[in-house]
Each structure stands twice: as C-alpha cells, then as structure tokens.
Amino acid sequence: MIAIVDYNMGNLASVKNAFSKLGKDTVVESNPLKFKEYDKLILPGVGAFGDAMEHLRERNMIESIKEFSASGKPMLGICLGMQLLFESSEEFGDHEGLGLIKGRVERFDETKFSEPLKVPHMGWNRVFTKKHPLFEGLDENHYLYFVHTFHVHCDDAEDIIGETDYGYKFTSAVSHNNIMGIQPHPEKSHENGLKILENFINL
C-alpha cells in the first residue's frame, strides 16, 4: 500500500487521482505514526520550502519520514516534496531541509541564462534521464510538466538521474538508495507522468 503524506502543502487529490487511473489505491495519510505501516511513501508539495518544513514540524512528521527513509522502502518526493529531501533551501531565507540527500535548493540564476526566459519555469520541458527503474519504458529524453522557481543542486553527481535545460542545465530527478525525487509533476504530465508513477508502483 502507498501512502501520500498529508501535511497541508500538496496537491493530494491530483496525485491520488493519477494513481487511481493506474488502478492503484492510495491512502492520504496525516498520522505520522502510521507511515511505517506502508510499503511506499509519496511526499508531494506545492508552495514555499520554509512553510512546508514548518508544517511537517508542527505535525511531528519529520522523524517519521526519516525513519521511513531508513527502512529501505521506496519513497518519492514530487516537486517541492523533492526539494524537501535536501539539506537546505535559500527560498525566502535559509531553511533546513530533511537532509536525506546531500545538496541544497537554489533559485534559478537568470544571470546565467543563455537566453531571456521567464521565472518561474512553467510548462512542458524535456527531462534527459539516466537508466533507472523510475524511467523504465520511457525515452531517455521525454517531456514532463514543470512549475517552479527553485531547483536542487546535488553535492553528489551519482544522485542525479535526470536533467533539464532551462537557461542552463539543472537537476530535475534524483535517486539516493531507496529515496527518489522528481521536480516536474508526473500527475500533470499525461502518459509520461503516469508511466513514472506506474514504475514507482512496481519497485
């Protein structure tokens, strides 16, 4: 059974509906004491990093998420949920993250853009991926749907399984042992996104 973490910062209905299209029941779970009972965990997220961490803290979810990650069972962060997996973020100040993957979250640096582009990065863009079970059955460059102003910077290149070009190349998918993250929204990315979620189900 798959749990979707409910900490009042995610598009829970969209994620749950995407799994339903695949014929997979999920549970929107707000009780951190129950996380360990599930086979897989989804950490969604929409909004600001600092607010998200505060919501997790208020709901006593941080330690339960860390315990789940240490169990070896698959865990997937989506959009802001992926960013929360990292050590820190510079979004509206300096905020500590879950620290499950080494690295930090940074704003798009428009001074490095190869052409004038709008921030936030919004819409369809290619994800160039390494061979990984999460992308099984997909071309190594495929389109997914993005909405974000900040992106992750991995300390360890081995954790990077997907990259996207928007002004410059940035990390758009990560994997560290059993912990995975994806910056675009698979639940909004039609067939390609559903395939990623199906692959997560099958891990």
C-alpha atoms as a PDB file:
ATOM      1  CA  MET A   1       0.000   0.000   0.000  1.00  0.00           C
ATOM      2  CA  ILE A   2       1.165   3.511  -0.873  1.00  0.00           C
ATOM      3  CA  ALA A   3       0.708   6.495   1.455  1.00  0.00           C
ATOM      4  CA  ILE A   4       0.587  10.106   0.271  1.00  0.00           C
ATOM      5  CA  VAL A   5       1.806  12.364   3.077  1.00  0.00           C
ATOM      6  CA  ASP A   6      -0.819  14.947   4.025  1.00  0.00           C
ATOM      7  CA  TYR A   7       0.871  17.953   5.626  1.00  0.00           C
ATOM      8  CA  ASN A   8      -1.442  20.574   4.094  1.00  0.00           C
ATOM      9  CA  MET A   9       1.045  21.620   1.399  1.00  0.00           C
ATOM     10  CA  GLY A  10       0.344  19.326  -1.543  1.00  0.00           C
ATOM     11  CA  ASN A  11      -1.953  18.714  -4.476  1.00  0.00           C
ATOM     12  CA  LEU A  12      -3.087  15.486  -2.846  1.00  0.00           C
ATOM     13  CA  ALA A  13      -6.216  14.925  -4.910  1.00  0.00           C
ATOM     14  CA  SER A  14      -4.324  15.166  -8.218  1.00  0.00           C
ATOM     15  CA  VAL A  15      -1.692  12.683  -7.067  1.00  0.00           C
ATOM     16  CA  LYS A  16      -4.293  10.273  -5.683  1.00  0.00           C
ATOM     17  CA  ASN A  17      -6.344  10.525  -8.903  1.00  0.00           C
ATOM     18  CA  ALA A  18      -3.283   9.730 -11.008  1.00  0.00           C
ATOM     19  CA  PHE A  19      -2.720   6.521  -9.069  1.00  0.00           C
ATOM     20  CA  SER A  20      -6.429   5.711  -9.367  1.00  0.00           C
ATOM     21  CA  LYS A  21      -6.107   5.932 -13.168  1.00  0.00           C
ATOM     22  CA  LEU A  22      -3.486   3.207 -12.863  1.00  0.00           C
ATOM     23  CA  GLY A  23      -5.857   1.076 -10.797  1.00  0.00           C
ATOM     24  CA  LYS A  24      -3.840   1.584  -7.613  1.00  0.00           C
ATOM     25  CA  ASP A  25      -5.460   2.599  -4.332  1.00  0.00           C
ATOM     26  CA  THR A  26      -3.513   5.009  -2.163  1.00  0.00           C
ATOM     27  CA  VAL A  27      -4.097   6.425   1.308  1.00  0.00           C
ATOM     28  CA  VAL A  28      -3.808  10.126   2.080  1.00  0.00           C
ATOM     29  CA  GLU A  29      -2.121   9.810   5.464  1.00  0.00           C
ATOM     30  CA  SER A  30      -1.868  12.557   8.080  1.00  0.00           C
ATOM     31  CA  ASN A  31      -0.826  10.362  11.030  1.00  0.00           C
ATOM     32  CA  PRO A  32       2.980  10.099  11.097  1.00  0.00           C
ATOM     33  CA  LEU A  33       2.847   7.091  13.438  1.00  0.00           C
ATOM     34  CA  LYS A  34       1.283   5.097  10.590  1.00  0.00           C
ATOM     35  CA  PHE A  35       3.924   5.863   7.935  1.00  0.00           C
ATOM     36  CA  LYS A  36       5.913   2.745   8.851  1.00  0.00           C
ATOM     37  CA  GLU A  37       2.905   0.546   8.060  1.00  0.00           C
ATOM     38  CA  TYR A  38       3.055   1.368   4.324  1.00  0.00           C
ATOM     39  CA  ASP A  39       5.132  -0.213   1.579  1.00  0.00           C
ATOM     40  CA  LYS A  40       5.852   3.070  -0.199  1.00  0.00           C
ATOM     41  CA  LEU A  41       5.634   6.770   0.645  1.00  0.00           C
ATOM     42  CA  ILE A  42       4.910   9.791  -1.549  1.00  0.00           C
ATOM     43  CA  LEU A  43       5.931  13.266  -0.358  1.00  0.00           C
ATOM     44  CA  PRO A  44       4.112  15.804  -2.560  1.00  0.00           C
ATOM     45  CA  GLY A  45       4.350  19.561  -2.219  1.00  0.00           C
ATOM     46  CA  VAL A  46       3.254  22.908  -3.595  1.00  0.00           C
ATOM     47  CA  GLY A  47       4.327  26.229  -2.081  1.00  0.00           C
ATOM     48  CA  ALA A  48       7.320  27.578  -0.152  1.00  0.00           C
ATOM     49  CA  PHE A  49      10.075  25.419   1.348  1.00  0.00           C
ATOM     50  CA  GLY A  50      10.112  27.099   4.773  1.00  0.00           C
ATOM     51  CA  ASP A  51       6.338  26.821   5.159  1.00  0.00           C
ATOM     52  CA  ALA A  52       6.469  23.154   4.169  1.00  0.00           C
ATOM     53  CA  MET A  53       9.127  22.307   6.755  1.00  0.00           C
ATOM     54  CA  GLU A  54       7.157  24.178   9.410  1.00  0.00           C
ATOM     55  CA  HIS A  55       4.019  22.188   8.536  1.00  0.00           C
ATOM     56  CA  LEU A  56       5.973  18.929   8.784  1.00  0.00           C
ATOM     57  CA  ARG A  57       7.433  20.037  12.113  1.00  0.00           C
ATOM     58  CA  GLU A  58       4.056  21.054  13.560  1.00  0.00           C
ATOM     59  CA  ARG A  59       2.616  17.657  12.616  1.00  0.00           C
ATOM     60  CA  ASN A  60       5.564  15.715  14.085  1.00  0.00           C
ATOM     61  CA  MET A  61       6.259  14.173  10.673  1.00  0.00           C
ATOM     62  CA  ILE A  62       9.972  14.851  10.232  1.00  0.00           C
ATOM     63  CA  GLU A  63      11.299  11.961  12.319  1.00  0.00           C
ATOM     64  CA  SER A  64       8.679   9.570  10.910  1.00  0.00           C
ATOM     65  CA  ILE A  65       9.725  10.441   7.342  1.00  0.00           C
ATOM     66  CA  LYS A  66      13.393   9.956   8.252  1.00  0.00           C
ATOM     67  CA  GLU A  67      12.592   6.600   9.872  1.00  0.00           C
ATOM     68  CA  PHE A  68      10.709   5.513   6.761  1.00  0.00           C
ATOM     69  CA  SER A  69      13.616   6.544   4.538  1.00  0.00           C
ATOM     70  CA  ALA A  70      15.980   4.465   6.707  1.00  0.00           C
ATOM     71  CA  SER A  71      13.738   1.394   6.323  1.00  0.00           C
ATOM     72  CA  GLY A  72      14.848   0.863   2.731  1.00  0.00           C
ATOM     73  CA  LYS A  73      11.300   1.049   1.390  1.00  0.00           C
ATOM     74  CA  PRO A  74      10.752   3.245  -1.722  1.00  0.00           C
ATOM     75  CA  MET A  75       9.998   6.916  -1.162  1.00  0.00           C
ATOM     76  CA  LEU A  76       9.251   9.542  -3.828  1.00  0.00           C
ATOM     77  CA  GLY A  77       9.292  13.324  -3.454  1.00  0.00           C
ATOM     78  CA  ILE A  78       7.346  15.317  -6.059  1.00  0.00           C
ATOM     79  CA  CYS A  79       8.142  18.980  -6.905  1.00  0.00           C
ATOM     80  CA  LEU A  80       8.515  20.777  -3.550  1.00  0.00           C
ATOM     81  CA  GLY A  81       8.481  17.312  -1.979  1.00  0.00           C
ATOM     82  CA  MET A  82      11.685  16.515  -3.879  1.00  0.00           C
ATOM     83  CA  GLN A  83      13.312  19.754  -2.696  1.00  0.00           C
ATOM     84  CA  LEU A  84      12.477  18.940   0.934  1.00  0.00           C
ATOM     85  CA  LEU A  85      14.642  15.816   0.676  1.00  0.00           C
ATOM     86  CA  PHE A  86      17.758  18.026   0.557  1.00  0.00           C
ATOM     87  CA  GLU A  87      19.757  19.655   3.338  1.00  0.00           C
ATOM     88  CA  SER A  88      18.749  23.286   2.901  1.00  0.00           C
ATOM     89  CA  SER A  89      16.981  25.902   0.776  1.00  0.00           C
ATOM     90  CA  GLU A  90      17.599  29.598   0.148  1.00  0.00           C
ATOM     91  CA  GLU A  91      13.914  30.270  -0.624  1.00  0.00           C
ATOM     92  CA  PHE A  92      12.856  33.358   1.423  1.00  0.00           C
ATOM     93  CA  GLY A  93      15.787  32.931   3.798  1.00  0.00           C
ATOM     94  CA  ASP A  94      17.874  29.961   4.838  1.00  0.00           C
ATOM     95  CA  HIS A  95      15.879  26.875   5.795  1.00  0.00           C
ATOM     96  CA  GLU A  96      16.932  23.421   6.924  1.00  0.00           C
ATOM     97  CA  GLY A  97      15.500  20.502   4.969  1.00  0.00           C
ATOM     98  CA  LEU A  98      15.104  16.801   5.730  1.00  0.00           C
ATOM     99  CA  GLY A  99      18.755  16.149   4.844  1.00  0.00           C
ATOM    100  CA  LEU A 100      18.110  12.780   3.190  1.00  0.00           C
ATOM    101  CA  ILE A 101      20.134  13.745   0.095  1.00  0.00           C
ATOM    102  CA  LYS A 102      23.242  15.950   0.197  1.00  0.00           C
ATOM    103  CA  GLY A 103      22.778  19.290  -1.534  1.00  0.00           C
ATOM    104  CA  ARG A 104      20.732  22.463  -1.434  1.00  0.00           C
ATOM    105  CA  VAL A 105      17.869  24.252  -3.149  1.00  0.00           C
ATOM    106  CA  GLU A 106      18.680  27.398  -5.132  1.00  0.00           C
ATOM    107  CA  ARG A 107      16.750  29.963  -7.149  1.00  0.00           C
ATOM    108  CA  PHE A 108      17.177  29.987 -10.904  1.00  0.00           C
ATOM    109  CA  ASP A 109      20.129  32.295 -11.603  1.00  0.00           C
ATOM    110  CA  GLU A 110      18.874  34.405 -14.502  1.00  0.00           C
ATOM    111  CA  THR A 111      22.342  35.939 -14.961  1.00  0.00           C
ATOM    112  CA  LYS A 112      23.492  32.526 -16.236  1.00  0.00           C
ATOM    113  CA  PHE A 113      20.655  32.110 -18.742  1.00  0.00           C
ATOM    114  CA  SER A 114      21.774  31.539 -22.312  1.00  0.00           C
ATOM    115  CA  GLU A 115      18.643  33.414 -23.494  1.00  0.00           C
ATOM    116  CA  PRO A 116      15.941  35.610 -21.894  1.00  0.00           C
ATOM    117  CA  LEU A 117      13.449  33.355 -20.123  1.00  0.00           C
ATOM    118  CA  LYS A 118      10.708  33.860 -17.558  1.00  0.00           C
ATOM    119  CA  VAL A 119      10.955  32.613 -13.996  1.00  0.00           C
ATOM    120  CA  PRO A 120       9.134  30.606 -12.701  1.00  0.00           C
ATOM    121  CA  HIS A 121       9.892  27.807 -15.124  1.00  0.00           C
ATOM    122  CA  MET A 122       6.385  26.788 -16.135  1.00  0.00           C
ATOM    123  CA  GLY A 123       5.141  24.348 -18.766  1.00  0.00           C
ATOM    124  CA  TRP A 124       6.392  21.327 -20.663  1.00  0.00           C
ATOM    125  CA  ASN A 125      10.096  20.606 -20.925  1.00  0.00           C
ATOM    126  CA  ARG A 126      12.372  17.679 -21.657  1.00  0.00           C
ATOM    127  CA  VAL A 127      13.915  15.521 -18.979  1.00  0.00           C
ATOM    128  CA  PHE A 128      17.132  13.803 -20.036  1.00  0.00           C
ATOM    129  CA  THR A 129      17.435  10.715 -17.872  1.00  0.00           C
ATOM    130  CA  LYS A 130      19.923   8.078 -16.869  1.00  0.00           C
ATOM    131  CA  LYS A 131      18.882   4.441 -16.870  1.00  0.00           C
ATOM    132  CA  HIS A 132      16.775   4.000 -13.734  1.00  0.00           C
ATOM    133  CA  PRO A 133      13.726   1.882 -12.819  1.00  0.00           C
ATOM    134  CA  LEU A 134      11.652   5.063 -12.373  1.00  0.00           C
ATOM    135  CA  PHE A 135      12.011   5.794 -16.113  1.00  0.00           C
ATOM    136  CA  GLU A 136      11.625   2.250 -17.421  1.00  0.00           C
ATOM    137  CA  GLY A 137       9.801   2.231 -20.766  1.00  0.00           C
ATOM    138  CA  LEU A 138      10.351   5.941 -21.430  1.00  0.00           C
ATOM    139  CA  ASP A 139      12.690   7.537 -23.967  1.00  0.00           C
ATOM    140  CA  GLU A 140      15.861   8.916 -22.379  1.00  0.00           C
ATOM    141  CA  ASN A 141      14.553  12.383 -23.216  1.00  0.00           C
ATOM    142  CA  HIS A 142      10.838  12.908 -22.656  1.00  0.00           C
ATOM    143  CA  TYR A 143       8.544  15.831 -21.836  1.00  0.00           C
ATOM    144  CA  LEU A 144       7.067  16.449 -18.386  1.00  0.00           C
ATOM    145  CA  TYR A 145       5.204  19.385 -16.823  1.00  0.00           C
ATOM    146  CA  PHE A 146       7.076  21.856 -14.582  1.00  0.00           C
ATOM    147  CA  VAL A 147       6.075  24.725 -12.269  1.00  0.00           C
ATOM    148  CA  HIS A 148       8.938  26.014 -10.082  1.00  0.00           C
ATOM    149  CA  THR A 149      11.220  28.939  -9.299  1.00  0.00           C
ATOM    150  CA  PHE A 150      13.855  26.989  -7.334  1.00  0.00           C
ATOM    151  CA  HIS A 151      15.796  23.871  -8.247  1.00  0.00           C
ATOM    152  CA  VAL A 152      18.104  21.469  -6.427  1.00  0.00           C
ATOM    153  CA  HIS A 153      21.873  21.332  -6.563  1.00  0.00           C
ATOM    154  CA  CYS A 154      23.215  17.841  -5.759  1.00  0.00           C
ATOM    155  CA  ASP A 155      26.547  17.532  -3.982  1.00  0.00           C
ATOM    156  CA  ASP A 156      26.992  14.034  -5.404  1.00  0.00           C
ATOM    157  CA  ALA A 157      26.597  13.674  -9.180  1.00  0.00           C
ATOM    158  CA  GLU A 158      25.792   9.977  -8.644  1.00  0.00           C
ATOM    159  CA  ASP A 159      22.441  11.035  -7.127  1.00  0.00           C
ATOM    160  CA  ILE A 160      21.371  12.774 -10.362  1.00  0.00           C
ATOM    161  CA  ILE A 161      19.167  10.629 -12.626  1.00  0.00           C
ATOM    162  CA  GLY A 162      17.508  13.390 -14.659  1.00  0.00           C
ATOM    163  CA  GLU A 163      18.448  16.822 -16.010  1.00  0.00           C
ATOM    164  CA  THR A 164      16.527  19.559 -17.812  1.00  0.00           C
ATOM    165  CA  ASP A 165      17.644  22.643 -19.720  1.00  0.00           C
ATOM    166  CA  TYR A 166      16.032  25.957 -18.832  1.00  0.00           C
ATOM    167  CA  GLY A 167      18.506  28.782 -19.341  1.00  0.00           C
ATOM    168  CA  TYR A 168      21.111  26.264 -18.190  1.00  0.00           C
ATOM    169  CA  LYS A 169      21.141  22.604 -17.233  1.00  0.00           C
ATOM    170  CA  PHE A 170      19.653  21.805 -13.818  1.00  0.00           C
ATOM    171  CA  THR A 171      18.853  18.633 -11.872  1.00  0.00           C
ATOM    172  CA  SER A 172      15.245  17.527 -12.343  1.00  0.00           C
ATOM    173  CA  ALA A 173      15.299  13.983 -10.922  1.00  0.00           C
ATOM    174  CA  VAL A 174      17.329  12.314  -8.192  1.00  0.00           C
ATOM    175  CA  SER A 175      17.817   8.921  -6.592  1.00  0.00           C
ATOM    176  CA  HIS A 176      19.787   8.020  -3.484  1.00  0.00           C
ATOM    177  CA  ASN A 177      19.362   4.378  -2.466  1.00  0.00           C
ATOM    178  CA  ASN A 178      15.597   3.979  -1.856  1.00  0.00           C
ATOM    179  CA  ILE A 179      14.885   7.736  -1.908  1.00  0.00           C
ATOM    180  CA  MET A 180      13.801   9.309  -5.192  1.00  0.00           C
ATOM    181  CA  GLY A 181      12.652  12.749  -6.231  1.00  0.00           C
ATOM    182  CA  ILE A 182      11.291  14.387  -9.349  1.00  0.00           C
ATOM    183  CA  GLN A 183      10.922  18.146  -9.906  1.00  0.00           C
ATOM    184  CA  PRO A 184       8.162  18.069 -12.562  1.00  0.00           C
ATOM    185  CA  HIS A 185       4.636  16.959 -11.740  1.00  0.00           C
ATOM    186  CA  PRO A 186       4.046  13.398 -13.000  1.00  0.00           C
ATOM    187  CA  GLU A 187       0.371  13.709 -12.050  1.00  0.00           C
ATOM    188  CA  LYS A 188       0.063  16.572 -14.583  1.00  0.00           C
ATOM    189  CA  SER A 189       2.269  15.015 -17.255  1.00  0.00           C
ATOM    190  CA  HIS A 190      -0.232  12.725 -19.008  1.00  0.00           C
ATOM    191  CA  GLU A 191       1.080   9.371 -20.283  1.00  0.00           C
ATOM    192  CA  ASN A 192       4.735  10.006 -19.446  1.00  0.00           C
ATOM    193  CA  GLY A 193       3.891  11.006 -15.882  1.00  0.00           C
ATOM    194  CA  LEU A 194       1.585   8.046 -15.394  1.00  0.00           C
ATOM    195  CA  LYS A 195       4.344   5.745 -16.619  1.00  0.00           C
ATOM    196  CA  ILE A 196       6.692   7.129 -13.952  1.00  0.00           C
ATOM    197  CA  LEU A 197       4.072   6.535 -11.246  1.00  0.00           C
ATOM    198  CA  GLU A 198       3.421   3.046 -12.598  1.00  0.00           C
ATOM    199  CA  ASN A 199       7.136   2.331 -12.402  1.00  0.00           C
ATOM    200  CA  PHE A 200       7.140   3.551  -8.785  1.00  0.00           C
ATOM    201  CA  ILE A 201       4.274   1.171  -8.013  1.00  0.00           C
ATOM    202  CA  ASN A 202       6.306  -1.687  -9.457  1.00  0.00           C
ATOM    203  CA  LEU A 203       9.510  -1.001  -7.498  1.00  0.00           C
END
